[in-house]
Amino acid sequence: MAVAVRGGETSVLRHPHELDPLTGRRYPGTGQCRETAAPRRKIGENPMTDYGIDVSHYNAVEDWNAVRGNGISYALLKVTESTDYVDDTSAGYADGARGAGIAAGGYHFARPVDVGAQVAHFADRLNERGLLAPGSVWPALDMEAEGFGDPNPFVADFIGQFRARTGVAGMLVYANLNWWNNILRPDEWADDNVLLWIARYNGDPGNPGWAHPRLALHQHSDKGVVPGIAGGVDRNATVGGYVTGSFLVP
């Protein structure tokens, strides 16, 4: 990744004479009118798609409120890699995203070394950052490193050990198009609590050109522009009928 909801919306009350900044019109009705606290979509965006980002120390997030104001509802943060590396931006980014009303989750960049040690490292760092709490985005397993041979047993073992250690059942599994086409076999390990995440930079958010019933997220750009973030950033979109609430810790 280069290196990754709509449930639980709260409602706020608008004054009956306040204007909607998108349409220039008054909110409908004669009394108090309701509006969700989630960020508004930009005009022209697919109303069935939720948009997000994934970030690491390679990115400079300067204003999480501006990020949220651009229609970003979820953020996946690099937390760990292998058995000992910790991304030193992850704690601050987790606090910043949550403070702006963005659902935050963490991802682990897997290496072909001891799976149990990686699970323990990832789970403990997530817990320290509050990223296993209800409302967090499901933890994500980033599969892109070389040297696994057949990585499918590793993925299955990682998911099983993570659930046993944390009690959190949901897991996102990330890979690029080549891995999904030729290497990973999700039907062997993707049960009802596993969702797939594909990287394919085709300029068509939410339509990666690869299909699977468990495919929920499309990383459609690694050079996305988001106010509040300096430089390019990985941008993501939900796929099909999936929404942010589909991959939140209950």
Protein backbone atom coordinates (compact mmCIF):
# COMPACT_ATOMS: atom_id res chain seq x y z
CA MET A 1 0.00 0.00 0.00
CA ALA A 2 2.57 1.57 -0.74
CA VAL A 3 4.07 0.41 1.81
CA ALA A 4 -5.21 -0.58 5.26
CA VAL A 5 -18.15 3.49 8.40
CA ARG A 6 -21.32 4.33 7.79
CA GLY A 7 -22.80 2.66 10.99
CA GLY A 8 -23.37 4.72 14.12
CA GLU A 9 -24.03 8.10 12.55
CA THR A 10 -25.21 10.74 14.97
CA SER A 11 -27.74 13.36 14.06
CA VAL A 12 -27.50 17.07 14.72
CA LEU A 13 -30.18 19.70 14.55
CA ARG A 14 -30.09 22.58 12.07
CA HIS A 15 -31.79 25.93 12.48
CA PRO A 16 -34.78 26.03 10.11
CA HIS A 17 -33.40 29.11 8.31
CA GLU A 18 -29.84 27.81 7.86
CA LEU A 19 -28.77 27.29 4.26
CA ASP A 20 -27.34 24.05 2.92
CA PRO A 21 -23.81 24.98 1.68
CA LEU A 22 -24.04 22.50 -1.20
CA THR A 23 -27.38 23.62 -2.66
CA GLY A 24 -27.80 27.14 -1.31
CA ARG A 25 -31.31 26.19 -0.20
CA ARG A 26 -32.88 26.08 3.21
CA TYR A 27 -33.15 22.72 4.90
CA PRO A 28 -36.62 21.28 4.28
CA GLY A 29 -39.43 21.48 6.81
CA THR A 30 -40.82 24.16 9.06
CA GLY A 31 -39.15 23.23 12.31
CA GLN A 32 -35.89 21.61 13.30
CA CYS A 33 -34.30 19.64 10.49
CA ARG A 34 -31.96 16.70 10.79
CA GLU A 35 -28.62 16.17 9.11
CA THR A 36 -26.15 13.36 9.70
CA ALA A 37 -22.83 14.30 11.23
CA ALA A 38 -20.95 12.28 8.59
CA PRO A 39 -19.05 14.35 6.01
CA ARG A 40 -20.99 15.38 2.93
CA ARG A 41 -20.17 13.75 -0.38
CA LYS A 42 -18.84 15.85 -3.18
CA ILE A 43 -21.31 16.56 -5.96
CA GLY A 44 -21.10 13.84 -8.60
CA GLU A 45 -19.82 11.10 -6.31
CA ASN A 46 -21.60 7.75 -6.26
CA PRO A 47 -24.03 7.95 -3.31
CA MET A 48 -23.55 4.23 -2.63
CA THR A 49 -19.77 4.52 -2.22
CA ASP A 50 -17.87 5.36 0.97
CA TYR A 51 -14.40 6.86 0.59
CA GLY A 52 -11.30 6.39 2.72
CA ILE A 53 -7.53 6.61 2.87
CA ASP A 54 -4.63 4.54 4.12
CA VAL A 55 -1.55 6.25 5.51
CA SER A 56 1.83 5.60 7.09
CA HIS A 57 4.95 7.56 8.02
CA TYR A 58 5.38 8.24 4.30
CA ASN A 59 2.38 10.59 4.47
CA ALA A 60 2.06 13.96 6.20
CA VAL A 61 -1.44 14.37 7.57
CA GLU A 62 -1.68 17.98 8.73
CA ASP A 63 -5.40 18.50 9.37
CA TRP A 64 -7.71 15.56 10.04
CA ASN A 65 -10.78 17.82 10.12
CA ALA A 66 -10.02 18.91 6.56
CA VAL A 67 -9.62 15.25 5.59
CA ARG A 68 -13.04 14.45 7.02
CA GLY A 69 -14.52 17.48 5.32
CA ASN A 70 -13.46 16.04 1.97
CA GLY A 71 -15.81 13.08 2.40
CA ILE A 72 -13.35 10.63 3.98
CA SER A 73 -15.16 8.35 6.43
CA TYR A 74 -12.49 5.75 7.27
CA ALA A 75 -8.71 5.60 7.55
CA LEU A 76 -6.38 2.62 7.75
CA LEU A 77 -3.05 3.34 9.41
CA LYS A 78 0.14 1.35 9.15
CA VAL A 79 0.84 0.14 12.68
CA THR A 80 3.33 -2.73 12.43
CA GLU A 81 5.55 -4.75 10.12
CA SER A 82 7.12 -8.17 10.69
CA THR A 83 7.76 -9.01 14.36
CA ASP A 84 9.21 -5.78 15.73
CA TYR A 85 8.70 -2.68 13.55
CA VAL A 86 6.21 -0.03 14.70
CA ASP A 87 5.17 2.93 12.55
CA ASP A 88 5.77 5.90 14.82
CA THR A 89 2.99 7.98 13.26
CA SER A 90 0.26 5.47 14.01
CA ALA A 91 -0.65 6.54 17.55
CA GLY A 92 -0.99 10.21 16.66
CA TYR A 93 -2.83 9.44 13.45
CA ALA A 94 -5.28 7.20 15.31
CA ASP A 95 -6.08 9.98 17.77
CA GLY A 96 -6.33 12.59 15.02
CA ALA A 97 -8.63 10.55 12.81
CA ARG A 98 -10.97 9.60 15.65
CA GLY A 99 -11.01 13.18 16.90
CA ALA A 100 -12.25 14.32 13.49
CA GLY A 101 -14.99 11.68 13.38
CA ILE A 102 -13.18 9.34 10.98
CA ALA A 103 -13.33 5.60 11.74
CA ALA A 104 -9.74 4.42 12.21
CA GLY A 105 -8.14 1.01 11.92
CA GLY A 106 -4.66 -0.42 11.68
CA TYR A 107 -2.84 -2.65 9.22
CA HIS A 108 0.10 -5.01 9.50
CA PHE A 109 2.65 -5.44 6.71
CA ALA A 110 3.32 -9.17 6.78
CA ARG A 111 6.72 -10.79 6.28
CA PRO A 112 7.45 -14.50 5.73
CA VAL A 113 8.58 -15.03 9.32
CA ASP A 114 6.96 -16.47 12.44
CA VAL A 115 3.22 -15.89 12.24
CA GLY A 116 2.57 -16.10 15.97
CA ALA A 117 5.14 -13.42 16.76
CA GLN A 118 3.63 -11.15 14.10
CA VAL A 119 0.11 -11.65 15.44
CA ALA A 120 1.22 -10.84 18.98
CA HIS A 121 3.11 -7.74 17.85
CA PHE A 122 0.21 -6.43 15.75
CA ALA A 123 -2.51 -7.19 18.29
CA ASP A 124 -0.66 -5.59 21.18
CA ARG A 125 0.14 -2.39 19.27
CA LEU A 126 -3.47 -2.12 18.05
CA ASN A 127 -4.71 -2.48 21.59
CA GLU A 128 -2.32 0.22 22.83
CA ARG A 129 -3.76 2.62 20.23
CA GLY A 130 -7.39 1.80 20.94
CA LEU A 131 -7.75 0.30 17.47
CA LEU A 132 -9.59 -2.80 18.65
CA ALA A 133 -12.32 -0.79 20.37
CA PRO A 134 -15.90 -0.82 19.09
CA GLY A 135 -16.26 1.45 16.08
CA SER A 136 -12.74 0.83 14.83
CA VAL A 137 -12.17 -0.35 11.29
CA TRP A 138 -11.37 -4.06 11.16
CA PRO A 139 -7.65 -4.84 11.40
CA ALA A 140 -6.04 -5.41 8.02
CA LEU A 141 -3.38 -7.86 6.86
CA ASP A 142 -1.21 -6.44 4.07
CA MET A 143 0.03 -9.23 1.79
CA GLU A 144 2.57 -8.01 -0.73
CA ALA A 145 6.03 -9.03 0.48
CA GLU A 146 8.04 -11.59 -1.47
CA GLY A 147 9.30 -14.88 -0.07
CA PHE A 148 6.13 -16.57 1.17
CA GLY A 149 6.01 -19.41 -1.34
CA ASP A 150 2.35 -20.30 -0.95
CA PRO A 151 1.05 -17.57 1.40
CA ASN A 152 -2.44 -19.01 1.86
CA PRO A 153 -1.62 -21.14 4.93
CA PHE A 154 0.04 -18.08 6.47
CA VAL A 155 -3.09 -15.96 5.92
CA ALA A 156 -5.37 -18.61 7.40
CA ASP A 157 -3.08 -19.08 10.41
CA PHE A 158 -2.74 -15.33 10.98
CA ILE A 159 -6.51 -14.84 11.00
CA GLY A 160 -7.07 -17.76 13.36
CA GLN A 161 -4.37 -16.73 15.82
CA PHE A 162 -5.45 -13.09 15.77
CA ARG A 163 -9.03 -14.03 16.64
CA ALA A 164 -7.88 -16.29 19.45
CA ARG A 165 -5.66 -13.58 20.92
CA THR A 166 -8.02 -10.60 20.63
CA GLY A 167 -11.58 -11.87 20.33
CA VAL A 168 -12.01 -9.63 17.28
CA ALA A 169 -13.34 -11.73 14.40
CA GLY A 170 -13.27 -9.24 11.53
CA MET A 171 -10.23 -9.00 9.28
CA LEU A 172 -9.46 -7.22 6.01
CA VAL A 173 -6.91 -8.81 3.69
CA TYR A 174 -5.10 -6.52 1.24
CA ALA A 175 -3.26 -7.45 -1.95
CA ASN A 176 -2.81 -6.23 -5.50
CA LEU A 177 -4.54 -7.55 -8.61
CA ASN A 178 -1.77 -10.01 -9.45
CA TRP A 179 -1.93 -11.56 -5.98
CA TRP A 180 -5.70 -11.93 -6.15
CA ASN A 181 -5.55 -13.40 -9.64
CA ASN A 182 -2.61 -15.74 -9.23
CA ILE A 183 -1.49 -16.23 -5.63
CA LEU A 184 -4.18 -15.84 -2.99
CA ARG A 185 -7.11 -18.26 -2.76
CA PRO A 186 -9.65 -16.50 -0.54
CA ASP A 187 -12.23 -19.26 -0.78
CA GLU A 188 -9.91 -21.31 1.45
CA TRP A 189 -9.87 -18.82 4.34
CA ALA A 190 -12.32 -15.92 3.76
CA ASP A 191 -15.32 -16.71 5.96
CA ASP A 192 -18.16 -14.31 6.80
CA ASN A 193 -15.83 -12.22 8.98
CA VAL A 194 -13.15 -11.67 6.35
CA LEU A 195 -13.39 -9.01 3.66
CA LEU A 196 -11.02 -8.45 0.75
CA TRP A 197 -9.21 -5.27 -0.23
CA ILE A 198 -7.66 -4.86 -3.67
CA ALA A 199 -5.07 -2.41 -4.96
CA ARG A 200 -5.62 -1.49 -8.58
CA TYR A 201 -4.95 2.03 -9.81
CA ASN A 202 -7.39 2.16 -12.69
CA GLY A 203 -9.02 5.54 -12.07
CA ASP A 204 -12.45 4.00 -11.44
CA PRO A 205 -13.17 4.09 -7.68
CA GLY A 206 -15.14 1.10 -6.48
CA ASN A 207 -14.82 -0.74 -9.81
CA PRO A 208 -11.47 -2.55 -9.78
CA GLY A 209 -12.25 -4.94 -12.64
CA TRP A 210 -11.92 -7.99 -10.37
CA ALA A 211 -14.84 -9.52 -8.54
CA HIS A 212 -15.38 -11.67 -5.47
CA PRO A 213 -18.40 -11.84 -3.13
CA ARG A 214 -16.18 -10.77 -0.21
CA LEU A 215 -14.49 -7.86 -2.03
CA ALA A 216 -15.27 -4.71 -0.04
CA LEU A 217 -12.50 -2.18 -0.68
CA HIS A 218 -10.70 -0.84 -3.73
CA GLN A 219 -7.46 1.11 -3.36
CA HIS A 220 -7.85 3.02 -6.61
CA SER A 221 -5.00 5.54 -6.41
CA ASP A 222 -1.63 5.97 -4.71
CA LYS A 223 -1.45 9.64 -5.71
CA GLY A 224 -4.78 10.87 -4.43
CA VAL A 225 -5.27 14.50 -3.45
CA VAL A 226 -7.00 15.10 -0.12
CA PRO A 227 -7.12 18.49 1.60
CA GLY A 228 -5.33 18.25 4.94
CA ILE A 229 -2.66 15.86 3.62
CA ALA A 230 0.55 17.15 2.06
CA GLY A 231 1.35 15.32 -1.17
CA GLY A 232 -0.26 12.24 -2.65
CA VAL A 233 -2.05 9.62 -0.59
CA ASP A 234 -3.59 6.19 -1.11
CA ARG A 235 -7.32 6.60 -1.73
CA ASN A 236 -9.92 3.87 -1.29
CA ALA A 237 -13.56 3.28 -2.16
CA THR A 238 -16.06 0.69 -1.04
CA VAL A 239 -17.21 -1.88 -3.60
CA GLY A 240 -20.74 -2.98 -4.47
CA GLY A 241 -23.11 -2.93 -1.53
CA TYR A 242 -20.40 -2.65 1.12
CA VAL A 243 -20.24 0.50 3.24
CA THR A 244 -18.03 1.65 6.08
CA GLY A 245 -20.31 0.01 8.60
CA SER A 246 -19.64 -3.35 6.95
CA PHE A 247 -16.13 -3.48 8.44
CA LEU A 248 -16.37 -1.90 11.87
CA VAL A 249 -15.59 -3.68 15.14
CA PRO A 250 -18.94 -4.15 16.92
